[in-house]
Amino acid sequence: MSEDQDAAGVVSFIFEAGVLKRAARTGWWFAGVKQPESIADHSFRTALIGMVLAAMEGADPARVSMLCVLHDTQETRITDIPHIAKRYLTAVPNTTVTADQVAACPPAVADLITAAVTEYEAGETREAVVARDADKLECLVQAVEYRHQGIDNVQRWIDSSRAALRTASAHRLADAALTGQPLARLSPPQQPE
């Protein structure tokens, strides 16, 4: 491939990833959220949570963040399929979607992205376990925020996300999120008496 073709392939992937900024996390509609977060919103905070969890768990924060950023990129093509819909649909593996997405990229880029998605999907490395916990923890945190905004029907997301957590640090952060106040930072600090 020529350098121009390489660049065009990479830019095509970047344009496609931009769709995630406009694509909603559809499962929240079932809970009554009229304008749910985008897939990109979810992936961004998942990457931040992953970085923090990696530090807490002794994993590689940069690798975990990369896995988190890429974990839902396939949804540009298959959309965010709600959990209930998965009973009725059979989607191709995320690794297959990723291979198609990066087919026009230069090998170094395609190999990097493909390896990260494969690692995340396998869920066997410490970094993949932490990244998967970050994904579930972000969903739990989002559910807590929606509950504080008056959306009452989010407990099933909290329960299923919590049940999927594997690391001790993710469990500690989940406990803190469940007892925390999303807007506490807006209250003035209490003065000692």
Protein backbone atom coordinates (compact mmCIF):
# COMPACT_ATOMS: atom_id res chain seq x y z
CA MET A 1 0.00 0.00 0.00
CA SER A 2 1.13 3.53 -0.63
CA GLU A 3 1.47 6.05 2.16
CA ASP A 4 -1.61 7.86 0.82
CA GLN A 5 -3.63 4.64 0.92
CA ASP A 6 -2.36 3.93 4.45
CA ALA A 7 -3.41 7.39 5.60
CA ALA A 8 -6.80 7.05 3.91
CA GLY A 9 -7.40 3.71 5.66
CA VAL A 10 -6.55 5.14 9.07
CA VAL A 11 -8.70 8.22 8.51
CA SER A 12 -11.59 6.00 7.43
CA PHE A 13 -11.35 4.18 10.79
CA ILE A 14 -11.18 7.53 12.61
CA PHE A 15 -14.27 8.81 10.76
CA GLU A 16 -16.10 5.60 11.58
CA ALA A 17 -15.18 5.86 15.26
CA GLY A 18 -16.76 9.32 15.25
CA VAL A 19 -20.15 7.65 14.82
CA LEU A 20 -19.85 6.56 18.46
CA LYS A 21 -20.23 10.22 19.51
CA ARG A 22 -23.74 10.21 18.03
CA ALA A 23 -24.84 6.65 18.82
CA ALA A 24 -26.84 6.22 22.02
CA ARG A 25 -26.44 3.48 24.59
CA THR A 26 -29.82 1.96 23.82
CA GLY A 27 -30.37 -0.17 26.91
CA TRP A 28 -31.07 2.95 28.96
CA TRP A 29 -34.23 3.60 26.93
CA PHE A 30 -35.78 0.58 28.67
CA ALA A 31 -35.14 2.30 32.00
CA GLY A 32 -36.88 5.45 30.81
CA VAL A 33 -33.83 7.58 30.00
CA LYS A 34 -34.98 9.81 27.15
CA GLN A 35 -31.52 10.99 26.06
CA PRO A 36 -29.01 8.37 27.17
CA GLU A 37 -25.27 8.78 27.05
CA SER A 38 -23.50 8.07 23.77
CA ILE A 39 -21.28 5.06 23.25
CA ALA A 40 -18.31 7.46 23.10
CA ASP A 41 -19.36 9.01 26.44
CA HIS A 42 -19.39 5.53 27.94
CA SER A 43 -16.05 4.55 26.38
CA PHE A 44 -14.33 7.74 27.55
CA ARG A 45 -15.27 7.25 31.20
CA THR A 46 -14.61 3.51 30.94
CA ALA A 47 -11.03 4.38 29.88
CA LEU A 48 -10.64 6.72 32.87
CA ILE A 49 -12.02 4.11 35.26
CA GLY A 50 -9.77 1.51 33.64
CA MET A 51 -6.70 3.67 34.17
CA VAL A 52 -7.55 4.09 37.87
CA LEU A 53 -8.42 0.42 38.37
CA ALA A 54 -5.18 -0.59 36.65
CA ALA A 55 -3.19 1.49 39.12
CA MET A 56 -5.12 -0.04 42.02
CA GLU A 57 -4.71 -3.60 40.70
CA GLY A 58 -1.08 -3.43 39.54
CA ALA A 59 -1.96 -3.66 35.84
CA ASP A 60 -0.67 -1.51 32.96
CA PRO A 61 -2.85 1.66 32.95
CA ALA A 62 -2.00 2.58 29.35
CA ARG A 63 -2.88 -0.88 28.05
CA VAL A 64 -6.11 -1.00 30.06
CA SER A 65 -7.13 2.44 28.81
CA MET A 66 -6.51 1.36 25.22
CA LEU A 67 -8.60 -1.78 25.67
CA CYS A 68 -11.38 0.33 27.15
CA VAL A 69 -11.32 2.89 24.33
CA LEU A 70 -11.61 0.11 21.74
CA HIS A 71 -14.03 -2.23 23.53
CA ASP A 72 -17.21 -0.90 21.85
CA THR A 73 -15.83 0.40 18.54
CA GLN A 74 -17.62 -2.42 16.75
CA GLU A 75 -20.91 -0.72 17.58
CA THR A 76 -20.38 1.63 14.64
CA ARG A 77 -21.48 -1.34 12.53
CA ILE A 78 -23.65 -3.51 14.76
CA THR A 79 -25.03 -0.74 17.02
CA ASP A 80 -25.45 -1.00 20.79
CA ILE A 81 -27.59 -4.13 20.98
CA PRO A 82 -29.56 -4.08 24.24
CA HIS A 83 -29.18 -7.12 26.49
CA ILE A 84 -32.77 -8.23 25.90
CA ALA A 85 -32.30 -8.13 22.11
CA LYS A 86 -29.34 -10.51 22.35
CA ARG A 87 -31.84 -13.28 23.12
CA TYR A 88 -33.14 -12.99 19.56
CA LEU A 89 -30.11 -11.95 17.53
CA THR A 90 -26.84 -13.57 16.66
CA ALA A 91 -24.11 -11.05 15.98
CA VAL A 92 -20.70 -11.91 14.56
CA PRO A 93 -17.84 -11.77 17.07
CA ASN A 94 -16.42 -8.32 17.80
CA THR A 95 -13.05 -9.50 16.51
CA THR A 96 -14.62 -10.13 13.08
CA VAL A 97 -16.15 -6.64 13.02
CA THR A 98 -12.82 -5.12 14.05
CA ALA A 99 -10.97 -6.99 11.29
CA ASP A 100 -13.34 -5.47 8.74
CA GLN A 101 -13.02 -2.00 10.29
CA VAL A 102 -9.22 -1.95 10.08
CA ALA A 103 -8.79 -3.86 6.80
CA ALA A 104 -7.68 -0.72 4.94
CA CYS A 105 -5.28 0.40 7.68
CA PRO A 106 -1.54 -0.21 7.45
CA PRO A 107 -0.48 -3.46 9.16
CA ALA A 108 1.04 -1.73 12.20
CA VAL A 109 -2.26 0.04 12.94
CA ALA A 110 -4.48 -2.93 12.07
CA ASP A 111 -2.37 -5.28 14.18
CA LEU A 112 -2.40 -2.92 17.18
CA ILE A 113 -6.19 -2.52 17.16
CA THR A 114 -6.90 -6.17 16.36
CA ALA A 115 -4.61 -7.40 19.14
CA ALA A 116 -6.24 -5.08 21.69
CA VAL A 117 -9.79 -6.13 20.77
CA THR A 118 -8.77 -9.81 20.75
CA GLU A 119 -7.20 -9.43 24.20
CA TYR A 120 -10.28 -7.65 25.58
CA GLU A 121 -12.67 -10.22 24.13
CA ALA A 122 -10.65 -13.17 25.49
CA GLY A 123 -10.69 -11.59 28.96
CA GLU A 124 -7.71 -13.58 30.17
CA THR A 125 -4.91 -11.08 30.84
CA ARG A 126 -4.85 -8.95 33.97
CA GLU A 127 -5.35 -5.88 31.75
CA ALA A 128 -8.40 -7.42 30.04
CA VAL A 129 -9.96 -8.37 33.38
CA VAL A 130 -9.45 -4.83 34.65
CA ALA A 131 -10.80 -3.33 31.40
CA ARG A 132 -13.92 -5.51 31.61
CA ASP A 133 -14.39 -4.43 35.23
CA ALA A 134 -14.04 -0.81 34.12
CA ASP A 135 -16.80 -1.35 31.55
CA LYS A 136 -19.17 -2.83 34.14
CA LEU A 137 -18.22 -0.25 36.76
CA GLU A 138 -18.92 2.59 34.34
CA CYS A 139 -22.38 1.14 33.71
CA LEU A 140 -22.99 0.94 37.46
CA VAL A 141 -21.83 4.52 37.99
CA GLN A 142 -24.03 5.72 35.13
CA ALA A 143 -27.01 3.91 36.66
CA VAL A 144 -26.34 5.61 40.01
CA GLU A 145 -26.23 8.98 38.25
CA TYR A 146 -29.47 8.29 36.40
CA ARG A 147 -31.08 7.23 39.70
CA HIS A 148 -30.02 10.55 41.25
CA GLN A 149 -31.66 12.28 38.25
CA GLY A 150 -34.97 10.59 39.07
CA ILE A 151 -34.83 7.50 36.85
CA ASP A 152 -36.05 4.80 39.22
CA ASN A 153 -35.78 1.71 37.03
CA VAL A 154 -32.00 1.22 37.06
CA GLN A 155 -31.48 -1.37 39.79
CA ARG A 156 -31.14 -4.27 37.32
CA TRP A 157 -28.19 -2.46 35.68
CA ILE A 158 -26.60 -1.89 39.08
CA ASP A 159 -27.12 -5.51 40.13
CA SER A 160 -25.90 -7.11 36.89
CA SER A 161 -22.89 -4.80 36.65
CA ARG A 162 -21.91 -5.44 40.26
CA ALA A 163 -22.29 -9.20 39.86
CA ALA A 164 -19.90 -9.17 36.88
CA LEU A 165 -17.03 -7.42 38.72
CA ARG A 166 -13.97 -9.58 39.32
CA THR A 167 -11.36 -7.39 41.03
CA ALA A 168 -11.33 -6.30 44.66
CA SER A 169 -10.68 -2.70 43.62
CA ALA A 170 -13.72 -2.63 41.35
CA HIS A 171 -15.88 -3.93 44.21
CA ARG A 172 -14.55 -1.19 46.50
CA LEU A 173 -15.26 1.48 43.89
CA ALA A 174 -18.75 0.06 43.31
CA ASP A 175 -19.46 0.27 47.06
CA ALA A 176 -18.28 3.87 47.09
CA ALA A 177 -20.41 4.72 44.05
CA LEU A 178 -23.51 3.17 45.58
CA THR A 179 -23.18 5.26 48.73
CA GLY A 180 -21.78 8.37 47.05
CA GLN A 181 -23.47 11.53 45.85
CA PRO A 182 -22.76 12.36 42.20
CA LEU A 183 -23.02 16.10 42.80
CA ALA A 184 -21.30 16.27 46.20
CA ARG A 185 -18.48 18.36 44.70
CA LEU A 186 -20.97 21.22 44.24
CA SER A 187 -21.66 21.55 47.98
CA PRO A 188 -19.42 23.85 49.99
CA PRO A 189 -17.01 22.04 52.29
CA GLN A 190 -18.15 21.76 55.88
CA GLN A 191 -16.31 24.06 58.26
CA PRO A 192 -14.97 22.57 61.48
CA GLU A 193 -16.86 23.73 64.55
